[in-house]
Amino acid sequence: MSNDKKYELLYWPGIPGRGEFVRLTFEATRTPYLDVSNQVEGGIHQILALKDEKATWDADGNPPALAPPALRVHGEGKKGGALVISQTPAILAFLGEKLDLAGSDAAERAWIQALALTALDLNNEAHDTHHPVSTLAYYEDQKTESLRKATDFRETRIPKFLGYFERVLKGNKEGQGKYLVGDKLSYADLALWQVVHGLKFAFPKEMKAREEAGEVPTIFKTFSPSVPEHGQLKEYLSSDRRKPYSKGIFRHYPELDRQ
């Protein structure tokens, strides 16, 4: 297929994963992009080449990536070719500046970056509930450790993180419960929204119990419903372009949820 899009997302096919934070950024701003592994025939080979352990600096002057996701930006490389950026927070910070999702001044840019990194920390901890020992081993081979990890995550880490974000949302009077910083959408809002959405899939009983108990009401009642109202997010979330949770970061194992 021909490609006239400036931005290309390089990530695994068929799952939301860490690439979803990047997709949401594009969809919220109605920015055209190419999701290489899902839209290009044989696109998976580009992702495999990206993480090749023998890869070195490419012809456009970009260092190798450790792992997906990566963003390819045509025309912005050091040598006039494509710029390739890896690491989810680095991609979000770059796109935030380009797509007006990074705040209105230096202070807001710093706050948004910090908040996005905090949401991504929670994202990583959610992943570790089903792979606490090794990312290379099957869940079934570390199930005992996963049960312990998930219990601590549900009882300690979820309330700690969500309680923090609740305080941020309530304290930002300009945002009226809809935005973490200022009075408009940022990539930190998108990152938090995605993690909360994923937690509802992975730990539905835990999240429902906390919502019914009236915990973090701003997150559940104001923030979460408002984010999809931006750009073409609502349309995207109901389309087949939004990949279902499966064997990625957010997995639903009933035994790891509240009993």
Protein backbone atom coordinates (compact mmCIF):
# COMPACT_ATOMS: atom_id res chain seq x y z
CA MET A 1 0.00 0.00 0.00
CA SER A 2 1.19 3.54 -0.64
CA ASN A 3 2.01 5.71 2.34
CA ASP A 4 1.78 9.49 2.36
CA LYS A 5 1.63 9.78 6.14
CA LYS A 6 4.32 11.62 8.06
CA TYR A 7 4.03 9.46 11.18
CA GLU A 8 4.46 5.69 11.37
CA LEU A 9 3.94 3.62 14.51
CA LEU A 10 6.16 0.55 14.81
CA TYR A 11 4.63 -1.87 17.29
CA TRP A 12 3.40 -5.45 17.61
CA PRO A 13 0.21 -6.35 15.73
CA GLY A 14 -3.09 -7.31 17.28
CA ILE A 15 -2.65 -5.91 20.81
CA PRO A 16 -2.99 -2.46 22.41
CA GLY A 17 0.17 -2.72 24.52
CA ARG A 18 2.48 0.25 24.93
CA GLY A 19 1.78 1.28 21.37
CA GLU A 20 -1.75 2.22 22.41
CA PHE A 21 -0.55 5.33 24.19
CA VAL A 22 0.80 6.53 20.85
CA ARG A 23 -2.35 5.58 18.93
CA LEU A 24 -4.54 7.50 21.38
CA THR A 25 -2.38 10.59 20.89
CA PHE A 26 -2.98 10.49 17.14
CA GLU A 27 -6.68 9.70 17.42
CA ALA A 28 -7.34 12.44 19.98
CA THR A 29 -5.84 15.02 17.62
CA ARG A 30 -7.16 13.58 14.35
CA THR A 31 -3.59 13.17 13.14
CA PRO A 32 -3.08 10.76 10.21
CA TYR A 33 -0.63 7.93 10.94
CA LEU A 34 0.30 4.49 9.68
CA ASP A 35 0.11 1.57 12.11
CA VAL A 36 2.72 -0.46 10.28
CA SER A 37 2.22 -3.97 11.66
CA ASN A 38 -1.58 -3.75 11.44
CA GLN A 39 -1.91 -1.88 8.14
CA VAL A 40 1.05 -2.91 5.98
CA GLU A 41 1.31 -6.37 4.47
CA GLY A 42 4.39 -7.97 5.99
CA GLY A 43 4.73 -5.03 8.36
CA ILE A 44 5.73 -7.33 11.21
CA HIS A 45 9.13 -7.71 9.57
CA GLN A 46 9.79 -4.01 10.18
CA ILE A 47 9.08 -4.50 13.87
CA LEU A 48 11.34 -7.55 14.04
CA ALA A 49 14.12 -5.61 12.30
CA LEU A 50 13.66 -2.79 14.80
CA LYS A 51 14.49 -5.07 17.74
CA ASP A 52 17.23 -7.03 16.01
CA GLU A 53 20.00 -7.36 18.59
CA LYS A 54 22.59 -6.94 15.84
CA ALA A 55 21.08 -3.66 14.62
CA THR A 56 23.18 -0.52 14.82
CA TRP A 57 22.76 3.11 13.70
CA ASP A 58 20.64 3.20 10.55
CA ALA A 59 21.19 4.98 7.23
CA ASP A 60 19.24 8.03 8.44
CA GLY A 61 21.48 8.42 11.48
CA ASN A 62 19.17 6.94 14.14
CA PRO A 63 20.47 4.76 17.00
CA PRO A 64 18.98 1.26 17.32
CA ALA A 65 15.90 0.73 19.47
CA LEU A 66 15.87 -1.76 22.31
CA ALA A 67 12.26 -2.75 21.70
CA PRO A 68 8.96 -1.48 20.25
CA PRO A 69 7.17 0.86 20.23
CA ALA A 70 9.02 3.26 18.00
CA LEU A 71 7.85 6.25 16.02
CA ARG A 72 9.15 6.95 12.51
CA VAL A 73 8.77 10.60 11.46
CA HIS A 74 9.48 11.26 7.81
CA GLY A 75 11.51 14.33 6.91
CA GLU A 76 12.77 15.14 10.40
CA GLY A 77 15.90 13.02 10.64
CA LYS A 78 19.40 14.37 11.22
CA LYS A 79 20.26 13.62 7.58
CA GLY A 80 17.00 14.82 6.12
CA GLY A 81 15.43 11.38 6.12
CA ALA A 82 13.30 9.78 8.82
CA LEU A 83 13.65 10.40 12.55
CA VAL A 84 13.10 7.25 14.64
CA ILE A 85 12.26 7.63 18.34
CA SER A 86 11.88 4.70 20.73
CA GLN A 87 10.56 4.48 24.32
CA THR A 88 6.92 5.33 24.97
CA PRO A 89 7.51 8.41 27.18
CA ALA A 90 10.00 9.88 24.70
CA ILE A 91 7.51 9.39 21.86
CA LEU A 92 4.71 10.99 23.86
CA ALA A 93 6.85 13.97 24.81
CA PHE A 94 7.83 14.50 21.16
CA LEU A 95 4.26 14.19 19.88
CA GLY A 96 2.95 16.28 22.75
CA GLU A 97 4.99 19.22 21.50
CA LYS A 98 4.00 18.64 17.87
CA LEU A 99 0.29 18.06 18.46
CA ASP A 100 -0.43 20.61 21.20
CA LEU A 101 -0.77 18.06 24.00
CA ALA A 102 2.16 19.21 26.11
CA GLY A 103 0.87 22.29 27.93
CA SER A 104 1.19 26.01 27.35
CA ASP A 105 4.53 26.79 29.02
CA ALA A 106 7.68 25.19 30.43
CA ALA A 107 6.12 24.48 33.83
CA GLU A 108 3.11 22.71 32.33
CA ARG A 109 5.36 20.71 30.01
CA ALA A 110 7.36 19.49 33.00
CA TRP A 111 4.24 18.63 35.01
CA ILE A 112 2.62 16.78 32.12
CA GLN A 113 5.75 14.76 31.50
CA ALA A 114 5.98 13.81 35.18
CA LEU A 115 2.32 12.81 35.34
CA ALA A 116 2.58 10.75 32.16
CA LEU A 117 5.63 8.95 33.53
CA THR A 118 3.71 8.20 36.72
CA ALA A 119 0.80 6.72 34.75
CA LEU A 120 3.29 4.62 32.77
CA ASP A 121 4.80 3.40 36.05
CA LEU A 122 1.36 2.10 37.01
CA ASN A 123 1.08 0.52 33.58
CA ASN A 124 4.36 -1.35 34.12
CA GLU A 125 3.32 -2.53 37.57
CA ALA A 126 0.09 -3.91 36.12
CA HIS A 127 2.14 -5.93 33.64
CA ASP A 128 4.29 -7.31 36.45
CA THR A 129 1.30 -8.86 38.20
CA HIS A 130 1.27 -11.66 35.64
CA HIS A 131 5.02 -11.70 34.95
CA PRO A 132 6.68 -10.89 38.30
CA VAL A 133 9.68 -13.18 37.86
CA SER A 134 10.54 -13.29 34.17
CA THR A 135 9.10 -11.77 31.00
CA LEU A 136 10.36 -14.80 29.08
CA ALA A 137 8.57 -17.39 31.22
CA TYR A 138 4.88 -18.30 30.84
CA TYR A 139 2.39 -16.96 33.37
CA GLU A 140 1.63 -20.56 34.41
CA ASP A 141 5.29 -21.00 35.38
CA GLN A 142 5.17 -18.11 37.87
CA LYS A 143 1.60 -18.33 39.05
CA THR A 144 2.40 -18.56 42.76
CA GLU A 145 4.48 -15.40 42.59
CA SER A 146 1.81 -13.73 40.45
CA LEU A 147 -0.86 -14.33 43.08
CA ARG A 148 1.28 -12.62 45.71
CA LYS A 149 2.21 -9.77 43.40
CA ALA A 150 -1.38 -9.19 42.28
CA THR A 151 -2.64 -9.11 45.86
CA ASP A 152 -0.16 -6.39 46.80
CA PHE A 153 -0.89 -4.53 43.56
CA ARG A 154 -4.65 -4.53 44.16
CA GLU A 155 -4.51 -3.71 47.85
CA THR A 156 -1.60 -1.26 47.93
CA ARG A 157 -0.50 0.02 44.54
CA ILE A 158 -3.84 0.68 42.81
CA PRO A 159 -5.19 2.86 45.65
CA LYS A 160 -1.84 4.64 46.01
CA PHE A 161 -1.64 5.61 42.33
CA LEU A 162 -5.31 6.33 41.76
CA GLY A 163 -5.50 8.30 45.01
CA TYR A 164 -2.61 10.42 43.82
CA PHE A 165 -4.22 11.14 40.45
CA GLU A 166 -7.52 11.92 42.18
CA ARG A 167 -5.76 14.59 44.22
CA VAL A 168 -4.17 16.04 41.10
CA LEU A 169 -7.49 16.19 39.24
CA LYS A 170 -9.33 17.76 42.18
CA GLY A 171 -6.58 20.27 42.81
CA ASN A 172 -6.51 21.49 39.22
CA LYS A 173 -9.48 23.85 39.38
CA GLU A 174 -9.05 24.89 35.74
CA GLY A 175 -9.55 21.31 34.61
CA GLN A 176 -12.87 20.77 36.42
CA GLY A 177 -12.03 17.11 36.93
CA LYS A 178 -11.47 16.52 33.23
CA TYR A 179 -7.78 17.41 32.91
CA LEU A 180 -4.70 16.79 35.01
CA VAL A 181 -3.01 20.06 34.00
CA GLY A 182 -4.63 23.28 32.83
CA ASP A 183 -7.92 23.38 30.97
CA LYS A 184 -7.21 21.21 27.95
CA LEU A 185 -6.23 17.67 27.05
CA SER A 186 -2.62 16.53 27.40
CA TYR A 187 -0.80 13.31 26.69
CA ALA A 188 -0.74 12.68 30.44
CA ASP A 189 -4.56 12.55 30.41
CA LEU A 190 -4.48 10.02 27.59
CA ALA A 191 -1.90 7.91 29.40
CA LEU A 192 -3.91 7.85 32.62
CA TRP A 193 -7.14 7.10 30.77
CA GLN A 194 -5.60 4.11 29.01
CA VAL A 195 -4.21 2.65 32.23
CA VAL A 196 -7.52 3.02 34.09
CA HIS A 197 -9.35 1.44 31.15
CA GLY A 198 -6.88 -1.45 31.13
CA LEU A 199 -7.20 -1.98 34.87
CA LYS A 200 -10.97 -2.28 34.49
CA PHE A 201 -10.37 -5.13 32.06
CA ALA A 202 -7.64 -6.89 34.05
CA PHE A 203 -9.17 -6.43 37.51
CA PRO A 204 -12.91 -5.84 36.94
CA LYS A 205 -14.02 -6.89 40.44
CA GLU A 206 -11.36 -4.80 42.13
CA MET A 207 -12.09 -1.70 40.11
CA LYS A 208 -15.87 -2.08 40.40
CA ALA A 209 -15.63 -2.48 44.18
CA ARG A 210 -13.55 0.68 44.49
CA GLU A 211 -15.91 2.61 42.25
CA GLU A 212 -18.97 1.47 44.19
CA ALA A 213 -17.23 2.40 47.45
CA GLY A 214 -16.93 5.96 46.21
CA GLU A 215 -13.17 5.93 45.95
CA VAL A 216 -11.54 8.32 43.47
CA PRO A 217 -14.94 9.56 42.19
CA THR A 218 -13.39 12.19 39.93
CA ILE A 219 -11.48 9.54 38.00
CA PHE A 220 -14.47 7.24 37.62
CA LYS A 221 -17.31 9.73 37.13
CA THR A 222 -15.79 12.79 35.47
CA PHE A 223 -12.36 12.10 34.02
CA SER A 224 -12.83 8.67 32.43
CA PRO A 225 -16.06 9.52 30.54
CA SER A 226 -14.73 12.89 29.31
CA VAL A 227 -11.49 11.80 27.63
CA PRO A 228 -13.11 9.88 24.73
CA GLU A 229 -14.99 13.04 23.75
CA HIS A 230 -11.84 14.46 22.17
CA GLY A 231 -10.96 14.24 18.50
CA GLN A 232 -12.02 10.96 16.95
CA LEU A 233 -11.40 8.88 20.06
CA LYS A 234 -14.99 7.72 20.45
CA GLU A 235 -15.09 6.53 16.86
CA TYR A 236 -11.70 4.86 17.21
CA LEU A 237 -12.61 3.04 20.42
CA SER A 238 -15.65 1.46 18.80
CA SER A 239 -13.77 0.45 15.63
CA ASP A 240 -11.72 -2.62 14.81
CA ARG A 241 -8.63 -0.43 14.79
CA ARG A 242 -8.79 -0.48 18.59
CA LYS A 243 -7.29 -3.89 19.31
CA PRO A 244 -8.77 -6.00 22.13
CA TYR A 245 -6.85 -6.79 25.28
CA SER A 246 -5.40 -10.27 25.09
CA LYS A 247 -1.83 -11.34 25.83
CA GLY A 248 -0.35 -7.89 26.25
CA ILE A 249 0.06 -5.71 29.32
CA PHE A 250 -3.50 -6.01 30.60
CA ARG A 251 -4.64 -9.61 30.97
CA HIS A 252 -7.64 -10.88 32.85
CA TYR A 253 -6.82 -13.86 35.03
CA PRO A 254 -9.79 -14.31 37.39
CA GLU A 255 -7.59 -15.75 40.13
CA LEU A 256 -5.58 -12.53 40.26
CA ASP A 257 -8.65 -10.35 40.76
CA ARG A 258 -10.44 -9.60 44.02
CA GLN A 259 -12.02 -12.78 45.36
